[in-house]
Amino acid sequence: MDNARIAILAQLTVAALEPSRATLVEPLCYRDAPDFEELGRLEQSYVPGTPPPSVKAGSWLGFVFSKPSLEGDKVRVHAFEPTPADGPRADELWIKLKRGEVVKQLAQEATPVDNAAALVNRAILAWAFAQVKEPAHAIVCDADMPVADGPTWLRTALDIVRSGDHISVRSPVTQTPVDAPPRFAGMHYMKVISPSWALRTLRGTAAGAES
């Protein structure tokens, strides 16, 4: 399953939109190696409110400076697949989208969505379970793990804990108030499991689960 389909899955799950509204979701996808030293330099030099620097499309910095948005009745979301510098492996998807109650205002409904990242993780697991006849592990998606702000979220990994054949997953998330200035209002950032990690883990071939 590619990033574009996962971005749509995430948005539909969080916003509880009808399938017929899928065409209103516009995912922008990124695949790159995170560079936290570069992020630190930016935090020291970048002045909030000024135009962001010129960045390469689909890059790490492109994702850092991206913002989900509502444009008319269209929802633009951003999905980042982090890769190590030495290979293509991706165990997480980092998703920037609008809070569920903000999007649902398009349908004149504004109910907050609790533990939205856990809902997305479960949807990805359901997709993976359908393709694995004899799962090697039981995976539980625990409640979301709120963090203070965007930079903290970027640096906080998925909390994946293994105990025997049992694996628990918690997603770091951060949100902004719905009444903040428009460019920053109603943001909902989350890190979720990737479909490839879910498949490898259920098949017993994933490495690196924390114990």
N, C-alpha and C. Protein backbone atom coordinates (compact mmCIF):
# COMPACT_ATOMS: atom_id res chain seq x y z
N MET A 1 0.85 -1.19 0.00
CA MET A 1 0.00 0.00 0.00
C MET A 1 0.88 1.24 0.00
N ASP A 2 0.66 2.17 -0.92
CA ASP A 2 1.56 3.30 -1.04
C ASP A 2 1.11 4.46 -0.15
N ASN A 3 2.00 5.48 -0.09
CA ASN A 3 1.75 6.61 0.80
C ASN A 3 0.45 7.33 0.49
N ALA A 4 0.14 7.47 -0.79
CA ALA A 4 -1.07 8.21 -1.14
C ALA A 4 -2.30 7.51 -0.58
N ARG A 5 -2.38 6.20 -0.70
CA ARG A 5 -3.54 5.48 -0.19
C ARG A 5 -3.58 5.53 1.34
N ILE A 6 -2.40 5.47 1.99
CA ILE A 6 -2.38 5.57 3.45
C ILE A 6 -2.80 6.96 3.91
N ALA A 7 -2.38 8.00 3.19
CA ALA A 7 -2.80 9.34 3.56
C ALA A 7 -4.32 9.46 3.49
N ILE A 8 -4.90 8.92 2.43
CA ILE A 8 -6.36 8.93 2.30
C ILE A 8 -7.00 8.12 3.42
N LEU A 9 -6.43 6.95 3.72
CA LEU A 9 -6.96 6.11 4.80
C LEU A 9 -6.94 6.86 6.12
N ALA A 10 -5.84 7.53 6.40
CA ALA A 10 -5.72 8.27 7.64
C ALA A 10 -6.77 9.37 7.74
N GLN A 11 -6.90 10.14 6.65
CA GLN A 11 -7.86 11.24 6.69
C GLN A 11 -9.28 10.74 6.82
N LEU A 12 -9.63 9.70 6.08
CA LEU A 12 -10.99 9.18 6.17
C LEU A 12 -11.27 8.60 7.54
N THR A 13 -10.25 7.96 8.14
CA THR A 13 -10.45 7.37 9.47
C THR A 13 -10.67 8.45 10.50
N VAL A 14 -9.78 9.46 10.51
CA VAL A 14 -9.85 10.50 11.54
C VAL A 14 -11.09 11.37 11.38
N ALA A 15 -11.40 11.73 10.15
CA ALA A 15 -12.50 12.65 9.93
C ALA A 15 -13.85 11.96 9.84
N ALA A 16 -13.85 10.63 9.77
CA ALA A 16 -15.09 9.86 9.66
C ALA A 16 -15.93 10.33 8.48
N LEU A 17 -15.26 10.62 7.36
CA LEU A 17 -15.97 11.06 6.17
C LEU A 17 -16.61 9.88 5.47
N GLU A 18 -17.62 10.13 4.69
CA GLU A 18 -18.21 9.10 3.86
C GLU A 18 -17.24 8.74 2.72
N PRO A 19 -17.21 7.47 2.29
CA PRO A 19 -16.31 7.10 1.18
C PRO A 19 -16.49 7.97 -0.06
N SER A 20 -17.69 8.45 -0.30
CA SER A 20 -17.93 9.26 -1.49
C SER A 20 -17.18 10.58 -1.45
N ARG A 21 -16.67 10.97 -0.26
CA ARG A 21 -15.95 12.23 -0.13
C ARG A 21 -14.45 12.04 -0.32
N ALA A 22 -14.00 10.81 -0.65
CA ALA A 22 -12.57 10.54 -0.78
C ALA A 22 -11.90 11.44 -1.82
N THR A 23 -12.64 11.84 -2.84
CA THR A 23 -12.06 12.68 -3.89
C THR A 23 -11.72 14.07 -3.37
N LEU A 24 -12.21 14.42 -2.19
CA LEU A 24 -11.92 15.73 -1.62
C LEU A 24 -10.60 15.74 -0.85
N VAL A 25 -9.96 14.58 -0.68
CA VAL A 25 -8.70 14.48 0.05
C VAL A 25 -7.54 14.53 -0.93
N GLU A 26 -6.63 15.46 -0.71
CA GLU A 26 -5.46 15.60 -1.59
C GLU A 26 -4.20 15.31 -0.78
N PRO A 27 -3.63 14.10 -0.90
CA PRO A 27 -2.42 13.77 -0.14
C PRO A 27 -1.16 14.23 -0.87
N LEU A 28 -0.24 14.82 -0.13
CA LEU A 28 1.10 15.13 -0.63
C LEU A 28 2.08 14.23 0.11
N CYS A 29 2.89 13.47 -0.63
CA CYS A 29 3.69 12.41 -0.03
C CYS A 29 5.18 12.71 -0.12
N TYR A 30 5.91 12.30 0.92
CA TYR A 30 7.34 12.56 1.04
C TYR A 30 8.03 11.26 1.43
N ARG A 31 9.25 11.08 0.95
CA ARG A 31 10.07 9.93 1.35
C ARG A 31 11.53 10.40 1.41
N ASP A 32 12.11 10.36 2.61
CA ASP A 32 13.46 10.90 2.78
C ASP A 32 14.01 10.43 4.13
N ALA A 33 15.30 10.67 4.35
CA ALA A 33 15.92 10.36 5.64
C ALA A 33 15.82 11.57 6.55
N PRO A 34 15.23 11.46 7.75
CA PRO A 34 15.17 12.60 8.67
C PRO A 34 16.58 13.05 9.07
N ASP A 35 16.78 14.33 9.18
CA ASP A 35 18.06 14.90 9.59
C ASP A 35 17.80 15.83 10.77
N PHE A 36 17.99 15.30 11.99
CA PHE A 36 17.65 16.08 13.19
C PHE A 36 18.70 17.14 13.49
N GLU A 37 19.92 16.96 13.01
CA GLU A 37 20.91 18.03 13.16
C GLU A 37 20.48 19.24 12.33
N GLU A 38 19.99 18.97 11.14
CA GLU A 38 19.49 20.05 10.29
C GLU A 38 18.29 20.72 10.95
N LEU A 39 17.42 19.93 11.56
CA LEU A 39 16.27 20.49 12.27
C LEU A 39 16.73 21.40 13.40
N GLY A 40 17.77 20.97 14.14
CA GLY A 40 18.29 21.80 15.23
C GLY A 40 18.84 23.12 14.73
N ARG A 41 19.53 23.10 13.60
CA ARG A 41 20.06 24.35 13.05
C ARG A 41 18.92 25.28 12.63
N LEU A 42 17.88 24.70 12.08
CA LEU A 42 16.72 25.51 11.69
C LEU A 42 16.07 26.16 12.90
N GLU A 43 15.95 25.41 13.98
CA GLU A 43 15.33 25.95 15.20
C GLU A 43 16.12 27.13 15.74
N GLN A 44 17.44 27.12 15.50
CA GLN A 44 18.29 28.21 15.98
C GLN A 44 18.19 29.44 15.08
N SER A 45 17.94 29.22 13.78
CA SER A 45 18.07 30.33 12.83
C SER A 45 16.74 30.83 12.24
N TYR A 46 15.75 29.94 12.17
CA TYR A 46 14.51 30.33 11.49
C TYR A 46 13.67 31.25 12.36
N VAL A 47 13.15 32.30 11.76
CA VAL A 47 12.29 33.26 12.46
C VAL A 47 10.84 32.94 12.12
N PRO A 48 10.03 32.49 13.12
CA PRO A 48 8.62 32.18 12.83
C PRO A 48 7.90 33.35 12.18
N GLY A 49 7.05 33.02 11.23
CA GLY A 49 6.29 34.05 10.54
C GLY A 49 6.94 34.54 9.26
N THR A 50 8.23 34.20 9.07
CA THR A 50 8.90 34.57 7.83
C THR A 50 8.73 33.45 6.81
N PRO A 51 8.86 33.74 5.52
CA PRO A 51 8.70 32.68 4.52
C PRO A 51 9.71 31.56 4.74
N PRO A 52 9.29 30.30 4.59
CA PRO A 52 10.23 29.19 4.75
C PRO A 52 11.26 29.20 3.64
N PRO A 53 12.43 28.58 3.88
CA PRO A 53 13.45 28.52 2.83
C PRO A 53 12.99 27.65 1.66
N SER A 54 13.63 27.80 0.54
CA SER A 54 13.33 26.97 -0.62
C SER A 54 13.77 25.53 -0.33
N VAL A 55 12.86 24.58 -0.55
CA VAL A 55 13.16 23.18 -0.23
C VAL A 55 12.79 22.30 -1.42
N LYS A 56 13.41 21.14 -1.48
CA LYS A 56 13.16 20.18 -2.55
C LYS A 56 11.83 19.48 -2.32
N ALA A 57 11.04 19.32 -3.37
CA ALA A 57 9.75 18.63 -3.26
C ALA A 57 9.98 17.20 -2.79
N GLY A 58 9.15 16.76 -1.84
CA GLY A 58 9.23 15.39 -1.35
C GLY A 58 10.33 15.15 -0.35
N SER A 59 11.02 16.21 0.10
CA SER A 59 12.18 16.06 0.97
C SER A 59 11.81 16.18 2.45
N TRP A 60 12.79 15.89 3.30
CA TRP A 60 12.65 16.03 4.75
C TRP A 60 12.24 17.45 5.12
N LEU A 61 12.97 18.44 4.64
CA LEU A 61 12.63 19.82 4.99
C LEU A 61 11.30 20.24 4.38
N GLY A 62 10.99 19.70 3.20
CA GLY A 62 9.67 19.97 2.64
C GLY A 62 8.57 19.55 3.59
N PHE A 63 8.75 18.39 4.23
CA PHE A 63 7.74 17.92 5.18
C PHE A 63 7.76 18.77 6.45
N VAL A 64 8.95 19.11 6.95
CA VAL A 64 9.05 19.91 8.18
C VAL A 64 8.25 21.21 8.03
N PHE A 65 8.37 21.87 6.89
CA PHE A 65 7.70 23.16 6.70
C PHE A 65 6.28 23.02 6.16
N SER A 66 5.82 21.81 5.88
CA SER A 66 4.48 21.65 5.32
C SER A 66 3.41 21.90 6.38
N LYS A 67 2.25 22.29 5.91
CA LYS A 67 1.09 22.50 6.78
C LYS A 67 -0.14 21.93 6.08
N PRO A 68 -0.92 21.09 6.79
CA PRO A 68 -2.19 20.65 6.21
C PRO A 68 -3.13 21.84 6.08
N SER A 69 -4.07 21.74 5.17
CA SER A 69 -4.94 22.90 4.93
C SER A 69 -6.30 22.46 4.41
N LEU A 70 -7.24 23.37 4.57
CA LEU A 70 -8.56 23.24 3.95
C LEU A 70 -8.64 24.29 2.86
N GLU A 71 -8.87 23.87 1.64
CA GLU A 71 -8.98 24.78 0.52
C GLU A 71 -10.34 24.58 -0.12
N GLY A 72 -11.28 25.45 0.24
CA GLY A 72 -12.67 25.22 -0.16
C GLY A 72 -13.17 23.99 0.56
N ASP A 73 -13.61 22.99 -0.19
CA ASP A 73 -14.06 21.76 0.44
C ASP A 73 -13.03 20.64 0.27
N LYS A 74 -11.79 21.01 -0.05
CA LYS A 74 -10.73 20.02 -0.24
C LYS A 74 -9.80 20.00 0.98
N VAL A 75 -9.44 18.80 1.42
CA VAL A 75 -8.54 18.62 2.55
C VAL A 75 -7.17 18.20 2.01
N ARG A 76 -6.14 19.00 2.29
CA ARG A 76 -4.78 18.66 1.87
C ARG A 76 -4.01 18.12 3.07
N VAL A 77 -3.52 16.89 2.97
CA VAL A 77 -2.77 16.26 4.05
C VAL A 77 -1.37 15.93 3.55
N HIS A 78 -0.43 15.72 4.50
CA HIS A 78 0.96 15.44 4.17
C HIS A 78 1.38 14.14 4.86
N ALA A 79 1.96 13.22 4.10
CA ALA A 79 2.39 11.92 4.63
C ALA A 79 3.87 11.72 4.33
N PHE A 80 4.66 11.49 5.38
CA PHE A 80 6.12 11.35 5.26
C PHE A 80 6.52 9.93 5.62
N GLU A 81 7.30 9.30 4.73
CA GLU A 81 7.82 7.96 4.99
C GLU A 81 9.30 8.09 5.31
N PRO A 82 9.69 8.01 6.60
CA PRO A 82 11.10 8.19 6.95
C PRO A 82 11.92 6.96 6.56
N THR A 83 13.07 7.20 5.95
CA THR A 83 13.94 6.11 5.55
C THR A 83 15.32 6.33 6.17
N PRO A 84 16.02 5.27 6.55
CA PRO A 84 17.40 5.44 7.02
C PRO A 84 18.31 5.84 5.88
N ALA A 85 19.43 6.46 6.22
CA ALA A 85 20.34 6.94 5.19
C ALA A 85 20.92 5.80 4.36
N ASP A 86 20.94 4.59 4.92
CA ASP A 86 21.60 3.47 4.23
C ASP A 86 20.62 2.47 3.62
N GLY A 87 19.35 2.83 3.51
CA GLY A 87 18.43 1.86 2.93
C GLY A 87 17.01 2.35 2.85
N PRO A 88 16.12 1.59 2.20
CA PRO A 88 14.75 2.04 1.93
C PRO A 88 13.74 1.70 3.02
N ARG A 89 14.14 0.98 4.08
CA ARG A 89 13.19 0.48 5.06
C ARG A 89 12.41 1.63 5.70
N ALA A 90 11.12 1.45 5.89
CA ALA A 90 10.27 2.44 6.55
C ALA A 90 9.29 1.71 7.47
N ASP A 91 9.41 1.95 8.77
CA ASP A 91 8.52 1.30 9.73
C ASP A 91 7.40 2.22 10.21
N GLU A 92 7.48 3.50 9.87
CA GLU A 92 6.51 4.48 10.34
C GLU A 92 6.00 5.30 9.18
N LEU A 93 4.84 5.89 9.38
CA LEU A 93 4.35 6.97 8.53
C LEU A 93 4.05 8.16 9.44
N TRP A 94 4.52 9.31 9.04
CA TRP A 94 4.27 10.54 9.80
C TRP A 94 3.25 11.34 9.02
N ILE A 95 2.14 11.65 9.65
CA ILE A 95 1.02 12.26 8.93
C ILE A 95 0.64 13.59 9.56
N LYS A 96 0.54 14.62 8.71
CA LYS A 96 0.04 15.92 9.13
C LYS A 96 -1.33 16.12 8.49
N LEU A 97 -2.34 16.33 9.33
CA LEU A 97 -3.69 16.54 8.82
C LEU A 97 -4.44 17.48 9.73
N LYS A 98 -5.63 17.80 9.37
CA LYS A 98 -6.46 18.66 10.19
C LYS A 98 -7.21 17.83 11.23
N ARG A 99 -7.47 18.43 12.37
CA ARG A 99 -8.23 17.74 13.41
C ARG A 99 -9.58 17.30 12.86
N GLY A 100 -10.04 16.15 13.35
CA GLY A 100 -11.28 15.59 12.83
C GLY A 100 -12.45 16.53 12.90
N GLU A 101 -12.58 17.27 14.02
CA GLU A 101 -13.74 18.14 14.15
C GLU A 101 -13.68 19.31 13.18
N VAL A 102 -12.45 19.72 12.78
CA VAL A 102 -12.32 20.80 11.80
C VAL A 102 -12.80 20.31 10.43
N VAL A 103 -12.34 19.12 10.03
CA VAL A 103 -12.75 18.58 8.74
C VAL A 103 -14.24 18.30 8.70
N LYS A 104 -14.77 17.79 9.80
CA LYS A 104 -16.18 17.42 9.81
C LYS A 104 -17.11 18.64 9.77
N GLN A 105 -16.53 19.82 9.97
CA GLN A 105 -17.34 21.01 9.78
C GLN A 105 -17.80 21.13 8.33
N LEU A 106 -17.06 20.48 7.42
CA LEU A 106 -17.51 20.45 6.03
C LEU A 106 -18.87 19.77 5.91
N ALA A 107 -19.13 18.87 6.85
CA ALA A 107 -20.41 18.16 6.84
C ALA A 107 -21.32 18.66 7.97
N GLN A 108 -21.03 19.88 8.46
CA GLN A 108 -21.82 20.49 9.54
C GLN A 108 -21.85 19.61 10.78
N GLU A 109 -20.72 18.97 11.06
CA GLU A 109 -20.59 18.16 12.27
C GLU A 109 -19.21 18.44 12.85
N ALA A 110 -19.11 18.67 14.16
CA ALA A 110 -17.84 19.09 14.73
C ALA A 110 -17.53 18.35 16.03
N THR A 111 -17.62 17.04 16.02
CA THR A 111 -17.33 16.23 17.20
C THR A 111 -15.86 15.83 17.20
N PRO A 112 -15.11 16.10 18.29
CA PRO A 112 -13.71 15.68 18.33
C PRO A 112 -13.57 14.17 18.19
N VAL A 113 -12.44 13.74 17.66
CA VAL A 113 -12.14 12.32 17.50
C VAL A 113 -11.06 11.95 18.51
N ASP A 114 -11.38 11.08 19.47
CA ASP A 114 -10.42 10.67 20.49
C ASP A 114 -9.51 9.57 19.95
N ASN A 115 -8.22 9.61 20.36
CA ASN A 115 -7.26 8.56 19.99
C ASN A 115 -7.29 8.27 18.49
N ALA A 116 -7.22 9.35 17.71
CA ALA A 116 -7.33 9.21 16.26
C ALA A 116 -6.19 8.39 15.68
N ALA A 117 -4.96 8.56 16.19
CA ALA A 117 -3.83 7.79 15.66
C ALA A 117 -4.02 6.30 15.92
N ALA A 118 -4.55 5.95 17.09
CA ALA A 118 -4.82 4.54 17.37
C ALA A 118 -5.84 3.98 16.38
N LEU A 119 -6.83 4.80 16.00
CA LEU A 119 -7.79 4.37 15.00
C LEU A 119 -7.11 4.09 13.66
N VAL A 120 -6.17 4.97 13.28
CA VAL A 120 -5.46 4.77 12.03
C VAL A 120 -4.59 3.51 12.11
N ASN A 121 -3.88 3.33 13.23
CA ASN A 121 -3.07 2.12 13.40
C ASN A 121 -3.93 0.86 13.26
N ARG A 122 -5.11 0.88 13.86
CA ARG A 122 -5.98 -0.30 13.78
C ARG A 122 -6.47 -0.53 12.36
N ALA A 123 -6.72 0.56 11.62
CA ALA A 123 -7.15 0.40 10.23
C ALA A 123 -6.03 -0.20 9.39
N ILE A 124 -4.78 0.22 9.62
CA ILE A 124 -3.65 -0.34 8.90
C ILE A 124 -3.46 -1.81 9.28
N LEU A 125 -3.60 -2.13 10.57
CA LEU A 125 -3.48 -3.53 11.00
C LEU A 125 -4.58 -4.39 10.39
N ALA A 126 -5.79 -3.86 10.30
CA ALA A 126 -6.87 -4.63 9.70
C ALA A 126 -6.55 -4.97 8.25
N TRP A 127 -5.96 -4.00 7.53
CA TRP A 127 -5.53 -4.25 6.16
C TRP A 127 -4.48 -5.36 6.12
N ALA A 128 -3.51 -5.32 7.06
CA ALA A 128 -2.44 -6.32 7.08
C ALA A 128 -2.96 -7.69 7.50
N PHE A 129 -3.82 -7.73 8.53
CA PHE A 129 -4.36 -9.00 9.00
C PHE A 129 -5.08 -9.74 7.87
N ALA A 130 -5.72 -8.99 6.99
CA ALA A 130 -6.46 -9.62 5.90
C ALA A 130 -5.54 -10.35 4.93
N GLN A 131 -4.24 -10.07 4.99
CA GLN A 131 -3.29 -10.69 4.07
C GLN A 131 -2.39 -11.74 4.72
N VAL A 132 -2.58 -11.97 6.03
CA VAL A 132 -1.72 -12.92 6.75
C VAL A 132 -2.60 -14.01 7.35
N LYS A 133 -2.38 -15.25 6.95
CA LYS A 133 -3.24 -16.35 7.41
C LYS A 133 -2.99 -16.71 8.87
N GLU A 134 -1.72 -16.77 9.28
CA GLU A 134 -1.38 -17.18 10.64
C GLU A 134 -0.45 -16.13 11.25
N PRO A 135 -1.00 -15.09 11.90
CA PRO A 135 -0.17 -14.03 12.46
C PRO A 135 0.80 -14.57 13.51
N ALA A 136 2.04 -14.07 13.46
CA ALA A 136 3.06 -14.50 14.42
C ALA A 136 2.96 -13.76 15.74
N HIS A 137 2.26 -12.61 15.74
CA HIS A 137 2.20 -11.79 16.95
C HIS A 137 0.80 -11.21 17.13
N ALA A 138 0.50 -10.90 18.39
CA ALA A 138 -0.69 -10.12 18.70
C ALA A 138 -0.25 -8.67 18.88
N ILE A 139 -0.89 -7.76 18.18
CA ILE A 139 -0.51 -6.35 18.23
C ILE A 139 -1.69 -5.55 18.78
N VAL A 140 -1.40 -4.74 19.81
CA VAL A 140 -2.42 -3.91 20.44
C VAL A 140 -2.06 -2.45 20.22
N CYS A 141 -3.01 -1.66 19.78
CA CYS A 141 -2.80 -0.23 19.58
C CYS A 141 -3.34 0.52 20.79
N ASP A 142 -2.42 1.03 21.63
CA ASP A 142 -2.82 1.72 22.85
C ASP A 142 -3.19 3.18 22.56
N ALA A 143 -3.64 3.87 23.62
CA ALA A 143 -4.08 5.26 23.48
C ALA A 143 -2.96 6.14 22.96
N ASP A 144 -3.33 7.20 22.27
CA ASP A 144 -2.35 8.13 21.72
C ASP A 144 -1.48 8.74 22.81
N MET A 145 -0.29 9.17 22.42
CA MET A 145 0.71 9.71 23.34
C MET A 145 0.95 11.19 22.99
N PRO A 146 0.22 12.11 23.62
CA PRO A 146 0.36 13.53 23.28
C PRO A 146 1.75 14.07 23.65
N VAL A 147 2.29 14.93 22.77
CA VAL A 147 3.53 15.63 23.05
C VAL A 147 3.29 17.13 22.89
N ALA A 148 4.27 17.95 23.30
CA ALA A 148 4.01 19.37 23.48
C ALA A 148 3.82 20.15 22.19
N ASP A 149 4.62 19.86 21.16
CA ASP A 149 4.60 20.72 19.98
C ASP A 149 5.18 19.98 18.78
N GLY A 150 5.22 20.68 17.63
CA GLY A 150 5.69 20.07 16.39
C GLY A 150 7.13 19.57 16.46
N PRO A 151 8.10 20.39 16.91
CA PRO A 151 9.48 19.89 16.97
C PRO A 151 9.62 18.67 17.88
N THR A 152 8.92 18.66 19.01
CA THR A 152 8.96 17.50 19.90
C THR A 152 8.37 16.28 19.20
N TRP A 153 7.28 16.49 18.48
CA TRP A 153 6.65 15.39 17.75
C TRP A 153 7.59 14.82 16.70
N LEU A 154 8.29 15.68 15.96
CA LEU A 154 9.22 15.19 14.94
C LEU A 154 10.28 14.29 15.56
N ARG A 155 10.70 14.60 16.79
CA ARG A 155 11.80 13.85 17.42
C ARG A 155 11.32 12.63 18.21
N THR A 156 10.02 12.48 18.39
CA THR A 156 9.50 11.39 19.23
C THR A 156 9.08 10.22 18.36
N ALA A 157 9.69 9.06 18.62
CA ALA A 157 9.42 7.87 17.83
C ALA A 157 8.15 7.17 18.30
N LEU A 158 7.60 6.34 17.46
CA LEU A 158 6.55 5.42 17.89
C LEU A 158 7.04 4.63 19.09
N ASP A 159 6.18 4.42 20.06
CA ASP A 159 6.52 3.59 21.22
C ASP A 159 6.06 2.16 20.93
N ILE A 160 7.00 1.32 20.54
CA ILE A 160 6.70 -0.08 20.21
C ILE A 160 7.39 -0.97 21.23
N VAL A 161 6.60 -1.73 21.99
CA VAL A 161 7.13 -2.56 23.07
C VAL A 161 6.74 -4.00 22.84
N ARG A 162 7.73 -4.88 22.87
CA ARG A 162 7.49 -6.31 22.68
C ARG A 162 7.59 -7.03 24.02
N SER A 163 6.65 -7.92 24.28
CA SER A 163 6.69 -8.81 25.44
C SER A 163 6.25 -10.19 24.97
N GLY A 164 7.24 -11.05 24.68
CA GLY A 164 6.92 -12.36 24.10
C GLY A 164 6.32 -12.18 22.72
N ASP A 165 5.15 -12.77 22.51
CA ASP A 165 4.47 -12.64 21.22
C ASP A 165 3.51 -11.45 21.18
N HIS A 166 3.51 -10.67 22.25
CA HIS A 166 2.60 -9.52 22.35
C HIS A 166 3.37 -8.24 22.05
N ILE A 167 2.83 -7.40 21.20
CA ILE A 167 3.44 -6.12 20.86
C ILE A 167 2.42 -5.02 21.05
N SER A 168 2.82 -3.97 21.77
CA SER A 168 1.94 -2.81 21.93
C SER A 168 2.54 -1.62 21.20
N VAL A 169 1.65 -0.79 20.67
CA VAL A 169 2.04 0.38 19.88
C VAL A 169 1.34 1.61 20.42
N ARG A 170 2.11 2.68 20.64
CA ARG A 170 1.52 3.98 20.98
C ARG A 170 2.09 5.04 20.05
N SER A 171 1.23 5.89 19.56
CA SER A 171 1.62 6.91 18.58
C SER A 171 1.79 8.27 19.23
N PRO A 172 2.93 8.94 18.97
CA PRO A 172 3.05 10.33 19.41
C PRO A 172 2.18 11.23 18.54
N VAL A 173 1.49 12.15 19.18
CA VAL A 173 0.60 13.06 18.46
C VAL A 173 0.73 14.46 19.05
N THR A 174 0.41 15.46 18.26
CA THR A 174 0.29 16.82 18.77
C THR A 174 -0.80 17.53 18.00
N GLN A 175 -1.48 18.48 18.66
CA GLN A 175 -2.58 19.21 18.04
C GLN A 175 -2.45 20.69 18.37
N THR A 176 -3.10 21.50 17.55
CA THR A 176 -3.19 22.93 17.84
C THR A 176 -4.66 23.29 18.03
N PRO A 177 -4.95 24.37 18.76
CA PRO A 177 -6.34 24.77 18.98
C PRO A 177 -7.05 25.09 17.67
N VAL A 178 -8.36 24.86 17.64
CA VAL A 178 -9.13 25.15 16.44
C VAL A 178 -9.32 26.66 16.25
N ASP A 179 -9.09 27.46 17.31
CA ASP A 179 -9.28 28.91 17.19
C ASP A 179 -7.95 29.65 17.08
N ALA A 180 -6.87 28.94 16.72
CA ALA A 180 -5.58 29.59 16.48
C ALA A 180 -5.63 30.35 15.15
N PRO A 181 -4.61 31.16 14.83
CA PRO A 181 -4.58 31.80 13.50
C PRO A 181 -4.75 30.77 12.39
N PRO A 182 -5.42 31.12 11.30
CA PRO A 182 -5.82 30.14 10.29
C PRO A 182 -4.72 29.19 9.83
N ARG A 183 -3.50 29.69 9.59
CA ARG A 183 -2.44 28.82 9.09
C ARG A 183 -2.07 27.72 10.08
N PHE A 184 -2.33 27.97 11.38
CA PHE A 184 -1.92 27.03 12.41
C PHE A 184 -3.10 26.36 13.12
N ALA A 185 -4.33 26.70 12.74
CA ALA A 185 -5.50 26.24 13.49
C ALA A 185 -5.85 24.79 13.17
N GLY A 186 -6.22 24.06 14.22
CA GLY A 186 -6.79 22.73 14.04
C GLY A 186 -5.85 21.70 13.44
N MET A 187 -4.55 21.82 13.70
CA MET A 187 -3.60 20.84 13.18
C MET A 187 -3.65 19.56 14.02
N HIS A 188 -3.38 18.45 13.37
CA HIS A 188 -3.31 17.16 14.06
C HIS A 188 -2.20 16.36 13.40
N TYR A 189 -1.07 16.23 14.12
CA TYR A 189 0.08 15.50 13.60
C TYR A 189 0.18 14.17 14.33
N MET A 190 0.46 13.11 13.59
CA MET A 190 0.55 11.78 14.21
C MET A 190 1.59 10.94 13.48
N LYS A 191 2.22 10.03 14.23
CA LYS A 191 3.08 9.00 13.64
C LYS A 191 2.37 7.66 13.83
N VAL A 192 2.26 6.91 12.76
CA VAL A 192 1.56 5.63 12.80
C VAL A 192 2.43 4.54 12.18
N ILE A 193 2.06 3.30 12.41
CA ILE A 193 2.80 2.19 11.82
C ILE A 193 2.65 2.19 10.30
N SER A 194 3.67 1.73 9.62
CA SER A 194 3.57 1.63 8.17
C SER A 194 2.96 0.28 7.81
N PRO A 195 2.32 0.19 6.65
CA PRO A 195 1.78 -1.10 6.21
C PRO A 195 2.86 -2.17 6.09
N SER A 196 4.07 -1.77 5.65
CA SER A 196 5.13 -2.77 5.49
C SER A 196 5.57 -3.31 6.84
N TRP A 197 5.65 -2.44 7.87
CA TRP A 197 5.99 -2.92 9.21
C TRP A 197 4.91 -3.87 9.71
N ALA A 198 3.64 -3.52 9.51
CA ALA A 198 2.55 -4.38 9.98
C ALA A 198 2.64 -5.76 9.35
N LEU A 199 2.88 -5.81 8.04
CA LEU A 199 2.98 -7.10 7.36
C LEU A 199 4.17 -7.90 7.87
N ARG A 200 5.35 -7.26 7.96
CA ARG A 200 6.54 -7.98 8.42
C ARG A 200 6.35 -8.51 9.84
N THR A 201 5.74 -7.70 10.69
CA THR A 201 5.57 -8.11 12.08
C THR A 201 4.59 -9.26 12.20
N LEU A 202 3.48 -9.17 11.51
CA LEU A 202 2.49 -10.26 11.58
C LEU A 202 3.05 -11.55 10.98
N ARG A 203 3.94 -11.43 10.01
CA ARG A 203 4.57 -12.61 9.41
C ARG A 203 5.77 -13.11 10.20
N GLY A 204 6.18 -12.32 11.22
CA GLY A 204 7.31 -12.74 12.04
C GLY A 204 8.66 -12.41 11.44
N THR A 205 8.70 -11.46 10.52
CA THR A 205 9.97 -11.14 9.86
C THR A 205 10.46 -9.73 10.18
N ALA A 206 9.77 -8.99 11.06
CA ALA A 206 10.19 -7.63 11.39
C ALA A 206 11.28 -7.68 12.45
N ALA A 207 12.28 -6.83 12.28
CA ALA A 207 13.35 -6.72 13.27
C ALA A 207 13.26 -5.37 13.97
N GLY A 208 13.82 -5.32 15.16
CA GLY A 208 13.97 -4.04 15.83
C GLY A 208 12.84 -3.63 16.74
N ALA A 209 11.84 -4.52 16.99
CA ALA A 209 10.82 -4.16 17.98
C ALA A 209 11.48 -4.05 19.34
N GLU A 210 11.17 -3.01 20.07
CA GLU A 210 11.83 -2.76 21.35
C GLU A 210 11.30 -3.72 22.40
N SER A 211 12.20 -4.11 23.30
CA SER A 211 11.79 -4.99 24.39
C SER A 211 11.92 -4.29 25.72
